[in-house]
Amino acid sequence: QVQLIEAGGGLVQAGGSLRLSCAASGRTISTYTMGWFRQGSGKEREFVAASTLNGGSKDYSDSVKGRFTVSRDNAKNTVYLQMNNLEPEDTAVYYCAAGTPWAYLTRTYAAWGQGTQVTVSS
């Protein structure tokens, strides 16, 4: 089973940027669809972005499209989420997830990180 550890969260003003990273261990991420999800206080967890095995295809939720970019470095076994033009509504705990290639379509993931808090002040 792959283990995932997120980093890079913090407090930022609206309009600012953050870059989250997700370091994997135990298995290479080159065989996984990698996704990012978030859960705001009192809200359900929601899909944010995903990347196919080689990063050739990427998917985004409508709420972050054009502002967030998912990327991956399979050689470093790490996935990134570049978040620009952040809004207070982006405040949430952000989770990295790993899934089978089908996860890109089903958004069902098997392995999860512990999450990293992102807080955007207005």
Protein backbone atom coordinates (compact mmCIF):
# COMPACT_ATOMS: atom_id res chain seq x y z
CA GLN A 1 0.00 0.00 0.00
CA VAL A 2 1.24 3.47 -0.79
CA GLN A 3 1.62 6.01 2.03
CA LEU A 4 1.00 9.69 1.36
CA ILE A 5 2.14 12.77 3.25
CA GLU A 6 0.95 16.25 2.31
CA ALA A 7 2.83 19.46 3.03
CA GLY A 8 2.72 23.12 2.09
CA GLY A 9 -0.47 24.27 3.70
CA GLY A 10 -0.72 27.48 5.65
CA LEU A 11 -2.34 30.89 6.01
CA VAL A 12 -2.47 33.17 2.98
CA GLN A 13 -4.36 36.30 2.02
CA ALA A 14 -6.97 36.26 -0.68
CA GLY A 15 -5.34 36.52 -4.08
CA GLY A 16 -2.22 34.78 -2.88
CA SER A 17 -0.71 31.44 -3.85
CA LEU A 18 0.33 28.21 -2.21
CA ARG A 19 1.93 25.06 -3.50
CA LEU A 20 0.97 21.79 -1.87
CA SER A 21 3.08 18.69 -2.22
CA CYS A 22 2.26 15.06 -1.62
CA ALA A 23 5.18 12.72 -1.07
CA ALA A 24 4.51 9.03 -1.58
CA SER A 25 6.34 6.06 -0.14
CA GLY A 26 5.94 2.33 -0.22
CA ARG A 27 5.10 2.18 -3.92
CA THR A 28 5.79 4.22 -6.98
CA ILE A 29 3.05 6.64 -7.96
CA SER A 30 3.66 5.91 -11.63
CA THR A 31 0.98 3.21 -11.43
CA TYR A 32 -1.59 5.41 -9.70
CA THR A 33 -4.04 8.07 -10.63
CA MET A 34 -3.31 10.84 -8.14
CA GLY A 35 -5.99 13.14 -6.86
CA TRP A 36 -6.52 16.09 -4.58
CA PHE A 37 -9.62 16.59 -2.46
CA ARG A 38 -10.59 19.12 0.19
CA GLN A 39 -12.98 19.34 3.10
CA GLY A 40 -14.08 22.62 4.56
CA SER A 41 -15.41 22.96 8.08
CA GLY A 42 -18.88 21.49 8.26
CA LYS A 43 -18.77 20.45 4.62
CA GLU A 44 -18.41 17.17 2.78
CA ARG A 45 -15.14 16.24 1.16
CA GLU A 46 -15.05 17.38 -2.44
CA PHE A 47 -12.94 16.59 -5.47
CA VAL A 48 -10.41 19.22 -6.50
CA ALA A 49 -8.09 17.81 -9.15
CA ALA A 50 -6.64 14.63 -10.58
CA SER A 51 -3.80 13.52 -12.80
CA THR A 52 -3.47 10.34 -14.82
CA LEU A 53 -0.48 8.01 -14.43
CA ASN A 54 1.90 9.98 -16.63
CA GLY A 55 0.27 13.35 -16.08
CA GLY A 56 -0.98 13.45 -19.63
CA SER A 57 -4.56 14.13 -18.62
CA LYS A 58 -5.78 16.36 -15.81
CA ASP A 59 -9.20 17.00 -14.37
CA TYR A 60 -10.39 19.86 -12.22
CA SER A 61 -13.51 20.84 -10.38
CA ASP A 62 -15.27 23.84 -11.82
CA SER A 63 -14.56 25.84 -8.67
CA VAL A 64 -10.78 25.68 -9.13
CA LYS A 65 -10.41 25.41 -12.89
CA GLY A 66 -8.10 28.12 -14.19
CA ARG A 67 -6.64 28.80 -10.73
CA PHE A 68 -5.22 25.45 -9.60
CA THR A 69 -2.76 23.21 -11.42
CA VAL A 70 -2.00 19.60 -10.58
CA SER A 71 1.36 18.15 -11.58
CA ARG A 72 3.44 15.14 -10.75
CA ASP A 73 7.06 14.11 -10.72
CA ASN A 74 7.06 10.34 -10.86
CA ALA A 75 10.84 10.26 -10.47
CA LYS A 76 10.48 12.03 -7.12
CA ASN A 77 7.31 10.10 -6.27
CA THR A 78 5.60 13.40 -5.55
CA VAL A 79 2.45 15.16 -6.67
CA TYR A 80 1.86 18.89 -6.46
CA LEU A 81 -1.09 21.25 -6.38
CA GLN A 82 -0.27 24.82 -7.35
CA MET A 83 -3.01 27.10 -6.08
CA ASN A 84 -3.18 30.65 -7.40
CA ASN A 85 -5.60 33.50 -6.86
CA LEU A 86 -6.84 31.86 -3.68
CA GLU A 87 -10.24 32.79 -2.31
CA PRO A 88 -11.62 32.51 1.25
CA GLU A 89 -13.90 29.76 -0.09
CA ASP A 90 -10.79 27.65 -0.75
CA THR A 91 -10.20 27.35 3.01
CA ALA A 92 -10.19 23.64 3.82
CA VAL A 93 -8.09 20.65 4.73
CA TYR A 94 -6.54 19.38 1.50
CA TYR A 95 -5.98 15.67 1.01
CA CYS A 96 -3.86 13.79 -1.47
CA ALA A 97 -5.15 10.44 -2.71
CA ALA A 98 -3.92 7.55 -4.82
CA GLY A 99 -6.11 5.27 -6.87
CA THR A 100 -6.19 2.81 -9.71
CA PRO A 101 -6.16 4.17 -13.26
CA TRP A 102 -9.97 3.95 -13.15
CA ALA A 103 -10.03 6.46 -10.32
CA TYR A 104 -9.61 9.19 -12.90
CA LEU A 105 -13.15 8.42 -14.05
CA THR A 106 -14.74 7.13 -10.85
CA ARG A 107 -13.07 9.55 -8.38
CA THR A 108 -12.85 6.60 -5.98
CA TYR A 109 -9.46 6.39 -4.30
CA ALA A 110 -7.92 3.72 -2.10
CA ALA A 111 -5.13 5.55 -0.24
CA TRP A 112 -5.27 8.90 1.50
CA GLY A 113 -2.88 11.25 3.20
CA GLN A 114 -3.53 12.89 6.56
CA GLY A 115 -4.30 16.28 5.06
CA THR A 116 -2.85 19.77 5.27
CA GLN A 117 -4.77 22.89 6.33
CA VAL A 118 -5.13 25.78 3.93
CA THR A 119 -6.63 28.99 5.30
CA VAL A 120 -7.34 31.96 3.06
CA SER A 121 -8.08 35.25 4.79
CA SER A 122 -10.16 37.98 3.19
